[in-house]
Amino acid sequence: MRVAGLGFRKGVSAESLAQVLALVGPYEALATVDAKAQEPGLLNLLKIIQLDLHVISRDRLRAAEVAGEGPARALYGTGSVAESAALAAAGPGARLVVARVKGPDGSTVAAVAEAS
């Protein structure tokens, strides 16, 4: 299974999320950290694309640790919410097939992981 992980700013629009997802290619499900799972923009996107959302706890996000510094490290203990969420949702032995890609407006990041 291919999972697109998402990291984004509070108040993100469904359009911004759709734009970054268009940049990362095919995927069968979405994933993000639990703190972002109820954002209206994400919920609106899910109504449109009708895919499953894997909600990843902060502990699982940290366990799927990826390199990097910045706000994600300070808030969630990982270098990339998008990459860690994708890896955690895809399952043990998953690998990144698309590293983090920033969306056109800078408010979103996506990455794709695939189960081995």
N, C-alpha and C. Protein backbone atom coordinates (compact mmCIF):
# COMPACT_ATOMS: atom_id res chain seq x y z
N MET A 1 0.84 -1.18 0.00
CA MET A 1 0.00 0.00 0.00
C MET A 1 0.89 1.24 0.00
N ARG A 2 0.49 2.24 -0.77
CA ARG A 2 1.19 3.54 -0.81
C ARG A 2 0.39 4.55 -0.01
N VAL A 3 1.06 5.18 0.94
CA VAL A 3 0.41 6.15 1.83
C VAL A 3 1.08 7.50 1.67
N ALA A 4 0.28 8.53 1.46
CA ALA A 4 0.78 9.91 1.41
C ALA A 4 0.66 10.51 2.80
N GLY A 5 1.78 10.88 3.36
CA GLY A 5 1.79 11.56 4.65
C GLY A 5 1.70 13.06 4.42
N LEU A 6 0.99 13.73 5.32
CA LEU A 6 0.78 15.17 5.20
C LEU A 6 1.22 15.91 6.46
N GLY A 7 1.92 17.00 6.24
CA GLY A 7 2.20 17.97 7.28
C GLY A 7 1.71 19.31 6.77
N PHE A 8 1.12 20.11 7.65
CA PHE A 8 0.56 21.38 7.17
C PHE A 8 0.32 22.33 8.33
N ARG A 9 0.17 23.58 7.97
CA ARG A 9 -0.10 24.63 8.95
C ARG A 9 -1.57 24.63 9.34
N LYS A 10 -1.81 25.10 10.55
CA LYS A 10 -3.19 25.26 11.03
C LYS A 10 -3.94 26.18 10.08
N GLY A 11 -5.19 25.85 9.80
CA GLY A 11 -6.01 26.65 8.92
C GLY A 11 -5.80 26.38 7.44
N VAL A 12 -5.09 25.32 7.11
CA VAL A 12 -4.81 24.98 5.71
C VAL A 12 -6.12 24.74 4.95
N SER A 13 -6.11 25.03 3.67
CA SER A 13 -7.31 24.80 2.85
C SER A 13 -7.23 23.44 2.17
N ALA A 14 -8.38 22.92 1.81
CA ALA A 14 -8.43 21.67 1.05
C ALA A 14 -7.69 21.83 -0.27
N GLU A 15 -7.78 23.01 -0.86
CA GLU A 15 -7.10 23.28 -2.13
C GLU A 15 -5.58 23.17 -1.99
N SER A 16 -5.04 23.72 -0.92
CA SER A 16 -3.59 23.63 -0.70
C SER A 16 -3.14 22.18 -0.52
N LEU A 17 -3.93 21.42 0.22
CA LEU A 17 -3.61 20.00 0.41
C LEU A 17 -3.69 19.25 -0.91
N ALA A 18 -4.71 19.52 -1.70
CA ALA A 18 -4.85 18.84 -2.99
C ALA A 18 -3.68 19.20 -3.92
N GLN A 19 -3.22 20.42 -3.86
CA GLN A 19 -2.10 20.83 -4.71
C GLN A 19 -0.82 20.08 -4.37
N VAL A 20 -0.51 19.93 -3.09
CA VAL A 20 0.71 19.20 -2.73
C VAL A 20 0.56 17.72 -3.04
N LEU A 21 -0.61 17.17 -2.84
CA LEU A 21 -0.82 15.75 -3.16
C LEU A 21 -0.66 15.47 -4.64
N ALA A 22 -1.03 16.43 -5.47
CA ALA A 22 -0.86 16.27 -6.92
C ALA A 22 0.61 16.17 -7.31
N LEU A 23 1.50 16.69 -6.47
CA LEU A 23 2.93 16.68 -6.76
C LEU A 23 3.62 15.36 -6.40
N VAL A 24 2.97 14.53 -5.58
CA VAL A 24 3.66 13.33 -5.08
C VAL A 24 3.21 12.02 -5.72
N GLY A 25 2.31 12.10 -6.68
CA GLY A 25 1.98 10.90 -7.43
C GLY A 25 0.95 10.01 -6.78
N PRO A 26 0.85 8.78 -7.24
CA PRO A 26 -0.24 7.91 -6.77
C PRO A 26 -0.06 7.49 -5.31
N TYR A 27 -1.20 7.34 -4.64
CA TYR A 27 -1.25 6.88 -3.25
C TYR A 27 -2.65 6.32 -3.03
N GLU A 28 -2.77 5.48 -2.00
CA GLU A 28 -4.05 4.82 -1.73
C GLU A 28 -4.70 5.25 -0.43
N ALA A 29 -3.95 5.97 0.40
CA ALA A 29 -4.47 6.44 1.69
C ALA A 29 -3.64 7.65 2.10
N LEU A 30 -4.16 8.37 3.10
CA LEU A 30 -3.47 9.53 3.65
C LEU A 30 -3.14 9.28 5.11
N ALA A 31 -2.16 10.02 5.62
CA ALA A 31 -1.80 9.93 7.03
C ALA A 31 -1.32 11.28 7.53
N THR A 32 -1.61 11.57 8.79
CA THR A 32 -1.07 12.75 9.45
C THR A 32 -1.09 12.52 10.94
N VAL A 33 -0.48 13.43 11.67
CA VAL A 33 -0.41 13.35 13.12
C VAL A 33 -1.79 13.66 13.72
N ASP A 34 -2.07 13.04 14.86
CA ASP A 34 -3.38 13.20 15.49
C ASP A 34 -3.75 14.66 15.78
N ALA A 35 -2.78 15.49 16.06
CA ALA A 35 -3.05 16.91 16.35
C ALA A 35 -3.62 17.66 15.16
N LYS A 36 -3.46 17.12 13.96
CA LYS A 36 -3.93 17.79 12.74
C LYS A 36 -5.15 17.12 12.12
N ALA A 37 -5.57 16.02 12.66
CA ALA A 37 -6.59 15.19 12.00
C ALA A 37 -7.97 15.83 11.91
N GLN A 38 -8.25 16.84 12.72
CA GLN A 38 -9.58 17.46 12.69
C GLN A 38 -9.58 18.84 12.03
N GLU A 39 -8.51 19.16 11.35
CA GLU A 39 -8.45 20.45 10.64
C GLU A 39 -9.54 20.49 9.55
N PRO A 40 -10.33 21.55 9.50
CA PRO A 40 -11.41 21.63 8.51
C PRO A 40 -10.95 21.43 7.07
N GLY A 41 -9.81 21.98 6.69
CA GLY A 41 -9.32 21.81 5.32
C GLY A 41 -9.07 20.35 4.98
N LEU A 42 -8.50 19.60 5.92
CA LEU A 42 -8.26 18.18 5.71
C LEU A 42 -9.58 17.42 5.63
N LEU A 43 -10.49 17.71 6.52
CA LEU A 43 -11.80 17.03 6.50
C LEU A 43 -12.55 17.31 5.19
N ASN A 44 -12.45 18.54 4.71
CA ASN A 44 -13.09 18.87 3.42
C ASN A 44 -12.45 18.09 2.28
N LEU A 45 -11.13 17.98 2.29
CA LEU A 45 -10.44 17.22 1.26
C LEU A 45 -10.87 15.75 1.28
N LEU A 46 -10.97 15.18 2.47
CA LEU A 46 -11.36 13.77 2.59
C LEU A 46 -12.75 13.51 2.02
N LYS A 47 -13.66 14.47 2.16
CA LYS A 47 -14.99 14.34 1.58
C LYS A 47 -14.92 14.27 0.05
N ILE A 48 -13.97 15.02 -0.51
CA ILE A 48 -13.84 15.08 -1.97
C ILE A 48 -13.16 13.84 -2.53
N ILE A 49 -12.04 13.44 -1.94
CA ILE A 49 -11.26 12.35 -2.53
C ILE A 49 -11.62 10.97 -1.97
N GLN A 50 -12.33 10.94 -0.87
CA GLN A 50 -12.85 9.70 -0.29
C GLN A 50 -11.78 8.62 -0.11
N LEU A 51 -10.71 8.97 0.58
CA LEU A 51 -9.68 8.01 0.94
C LEU A 51 -9.63 7.88 2.45
N ASP A 52 -9.09 6.76 2.91
CA ASP A 52 -8.91 6.56 4.35
C ASP A 52 -7.82 7.48 4.86
N LEU A 53 -8.00 7.95 6.09
CA LEU A 53 -7.00 8.75 6.78
C LEU A 53 -6.47 7.94 7.95
N HIS A 54 -5.16 7.72 7.98
CA HIS A 54 -4.51 7.08 9.12
C HIS A 54 -4.08 8.20 10.06
N VAL A 55 -4.59 8.17 11.28
CA VAL A 55 -4.26 9.17 12.28
C VAL A 55 -3.14 8.59 13.15
N ILE A 56 -2.00 9.26 13.13
CA ILE A 56 -0.80 8.75 13.78
C ILE A 56 -0.54 9.52 15.08
N SER A 57 -0.38 8.79 16.17
CA SER A 57 -0.08 9.44 17.45
C SER A 57 1.34 10.02 17.42
N ARG A 58 1.59 10.94 18.32
CA ARG A 58 2.94 11.52 18.40
C ARG A 58 3.98 10.45 18.72
N ASP A 59 3.62 9.48 19.55
CA ASP A 59 4.57 8.40 19.87
C ASP A 59 4.93 7.59 18.63
N ARG A 60 3.93 7.24 17.84
CA ARG A 60 4.21 6.49 16.59
C ARG A 60 4.98 7.34 15.60
N LEU A 61 4.71 8.63 15.58
CA LEU A 61 5.43 9.55 14.70
C LEU A 61 6.91 9.57 15.08
N ARG A 62 7.17 9.69 16.37
CA ARG A 62 8.57 9.69 16.84
C ARG A 62 9.25 8.36 16.55
N ALA A 63 8.53 7.26 16.64
CA ALA A 63 9.11 5.94 16.38
C ALA A 63 9.52 5.78 14.92
N ALA A 64 8.86 6.49 14.03
CA ALA A 64 9.19 6.45 12.60
C ALA A 64 10.13 7.61 12.27
N GLU A 65 10.99 7.92 13.19
CA GLU A 65 11.92 9.06 13.14
C GLU A 65 12.57 9.25 11.79
N VAL A 66 12.58 10.48 11.34
CA VAL A 66 13.32 10.87 10.14
C VAL A 66 14.17 12.10 10.48
N ALA A 67 15.22 12.28 9.72
CA ALA A 67 16.16 13.38 9.97
C ALA A 67 15.54 14.73 9.63
N GLY A 68 16.07 15.75 10.25
CA GLY A 68 15.64 17.11 9.95
C GLY A 68 15.45 17.91 11.21
N GLU A 69 15.53 19.20 11.07
CA GLU A 69 15.35 20.13 12.19
C GLU A 69 14.26 21.12 11.83
N GLY A 70 13.79 21.83 12.82
CA GLY A 70 12.79 22.86 12.57
C GLY A 70 11.56 22.67 13.42
N PRO A 71 10.47 23.28 13.02
CA PRO A 71 9.24 23.24 13.82
C PRO A 71 8.73 21.83 14.08
N ALA A 72 8.82 20.94 13.12
CA ALA A 72 8.33 19.57 13.31
C ALA A 72 9.11 18.87 14.42
N ARG A 73 10.40 19.10 14.48
CA ARG A 73 11.23 18.49 15.52
C ARG A 73 10.80 18.99 16.89
N ALA A 74 10.61 20.29 17.01
CA ALA A 74 10.24 20.88 18.30
C ALA A 74 8.84 20.45 18.75
N LEU A 75 7.90 20.39 17.83
CA LEU A 75 6.51 20.07 18.18
C LEU A 75 6.22 18.58 18.27
N TYR A 76 6.83 17.79 17.38
CA TYR A 76 6.44 16.38 17.25
C TYR A 76 7.57 15.38 17.43
N GLY A 77 8.81 15.85 17.57
CA GLY A 77 9.92 14.95 17.80
C GLY A 77 10.41 14.22 16.57
N THR A 78 10.14 14.77 15.40
CA THR A 78 10.60 14.18 14.15
C THR A 78 10.99 15.29 13.19
N GLY A 79 11.81 14.95 12.22
CA GLY A 79 12.24 15.94 11.24
C GLY A 79 11.19 16.27 10.20
N SER A 80 10.19 15.39 10.04
CA SER A 80 9.15 15.63 9.04
C SER A 80 7.88 14.88 9.43
N VAL A 81 6.82 15.63 9.70
CA VAL A 81 5.53 15.00 9.99
C VAL A 81 5.07 14.18 8.79
N ALA A 82 5.22 14.74 7.59
CA ALA A 82 4.75 14.05 6.38
C ALA A 82 5.46 12.71 6.20
N GLU A 83 6.78 12.70 6.27
CA GLU A 83 7.54 11.46 6.07
C GLU A 83 7.27 10.45 7.18
N SER A 84 7.30 10.90 8.43
CA SER A 84 7.07 9.98 9.54
C SER A 84 5.66 9.40 9.53
N ALA A 85 4.67 10.23 9.22
CA ALA A 85 3.28 9.75 9.17
C ALA A 85 3.11 8.72 8.05
N ALA A 86 3.70 8.99 6.90
CA ALA A 86 3.61 8.04 5.78
C ALA A 86 4.25 6.71 6.15
N LEU A 87 5.44 6.75 6.72
CA LEU A 87 6.14 5.52 7.11
C LEU A 87 5.37 4.75 8.18
N ALA A 88 4.88 5.45 9.19
CA ALA A 88 4.14 4.79 10.27
C ALA A 88 2.87 4.13 9.74
N ALA A 89 2.16 4.81 8.86
CA ALA A 89 0.90 4.27 8.33
C ALA A 89 1.13 3.11 7.37
N ALA A 90 2.22 3.15 6.62
CA ALA A 90 2.50 2.07 5.65
C ALA A 90 2.92 0.79 6.34
N GLY A 91 3.42 0.88 7.57
CA GLY A 91 3.71 -0.32 8.35
C GLY A 91 5.18 -0.68 8.44
N PRO A 92 5.46 -1.73 9.22
CA PRO A 92 6.84 -2.16 9.43
C PRO A 92 7.56 -2.44 8.12
N GLY A 93 8.79 -1.97 8.03
CA GLY A 93 9.59 -2.20 6.84
C GLY A 93 9.26 -1.27 5.68
N ALA A 94 8.36 -0.31 5.89
CA ALA A 94 8.01 0.62 4.81
C ALA A 94 9.21 1.47 4.45
N ARG A 95 9.18 1.97 3.21
CA ARG A 95 10.26 2.84 2.75
C ARG A 95 9.64 4.04 2.05
N LEU A 96 10.36 5.16 2.11
CA LEU A 96 9.90 6.34 1.40
C LEU A 96 10.13 6.17 -0.09
N VAL A 97 9.11 6.44 -0.88
CA VAL A 97 9.26 6.42 -2.34
C VAL A 97 9.22 7.84 -2.91
N VAL A 98 8.68 8.77 -2.12
CA VAL A 98 8.73 10.19 -2.46
C VAL A 98 9.06 10.93 -1.17
N ALA A 99 10.24 11.55 -1.12
CA ALA A 99 10.63 12.34 0.05
C ALA A 99 9.78 13.60 0.12
N ARG A 100 9.86 14.28 1.23
CA ARG A 100 9.01 15.45 1.46
C ARG A 100 9.09 16.47 0.32
N VAL A 101 7.90 16.89 -0.09
CA VAL A 101 7.73 17.89 -1.14
C VAL A 101 6.88 19.00 -0.57
N LYS A 102 7.33 20.22 -0.73
CA LYS A 102 6.58 21.38 -0.23
C LYS A 102 5.58 21.82 -1.28
N GLY A 103 4.37 22.14 -0.82
CA GLY A 103 3.33 22.62 -1.72
C GLY A 103 3.62 24.01 -2.24
N PRO A 104 2.93 24.40 -3.32
CA PRO A 104 3.18 25.69 -3.97
C PRO A 104 3.05 26.91 -3.06
N ASP A 105 2.12 26.88 -2.11
CA ASP A 105 1.95 28.05 -1.25
C ASP A 105 2.76 27.98 0.04
N GLY A 106 3.51 26.91 0.23
CA GLY A 106 4.38 26.78 1.40
C GLY A 106 3.70 26.36 2.68
N SER A 107 2.40 26.09 2.64
CA SER A 107 1.69 25.73 3.87
C SER A 107 1.53 24.23 4.06
N THR A 108 1.99 23.46 3.08
CA THR A 108 1.80 22.01 3.13
C THR A 108 3.09 21.28 2.72
N VAL A 109 3.20 20.04 3.22
CA VAL A 109 4.29 19.14 2.84
C VAL A 109 3.67 17.76 2.70
N ALA A 110 4.11 17.01 1.69
CA ALA A 110 3.64 15.63 1.52
C ALA A 110 4.82 14.74 1.21
N ALA A 111 4.68 13.47 1.55
CA ALA A 111 5.66 12.44 1.25
C ALA A 111 4.89 11.14 1.07
N VAL A 112 5.48 10.19 0.35
CA VAL A 112 4.80 8.92 0.12
C VAL A 112 5.70 7.77 0.57
N ALA A 113 5.11 6.85 1.31
CA ALA A 113 5.80 5.63 1.73
C ALA A 113 5.04 4.43 1.20
N GLU A 114 5.79 3.35 1.02
CA GLU A 114 5.20 2.12 0.47
C GLU A 114 5.60 0.95 1.36
N ALA A 115 4.66 0.07 1.61
CA ALA A 115 4.95 -1.14 2.35
C ALA A 115 5.86 -2.04 1.54
N SER A 116 6.76 -2.73 2.23
CA SER A 116 7.69 -3.61 1.53
C SER A 116 7.04 -4.92 1.14
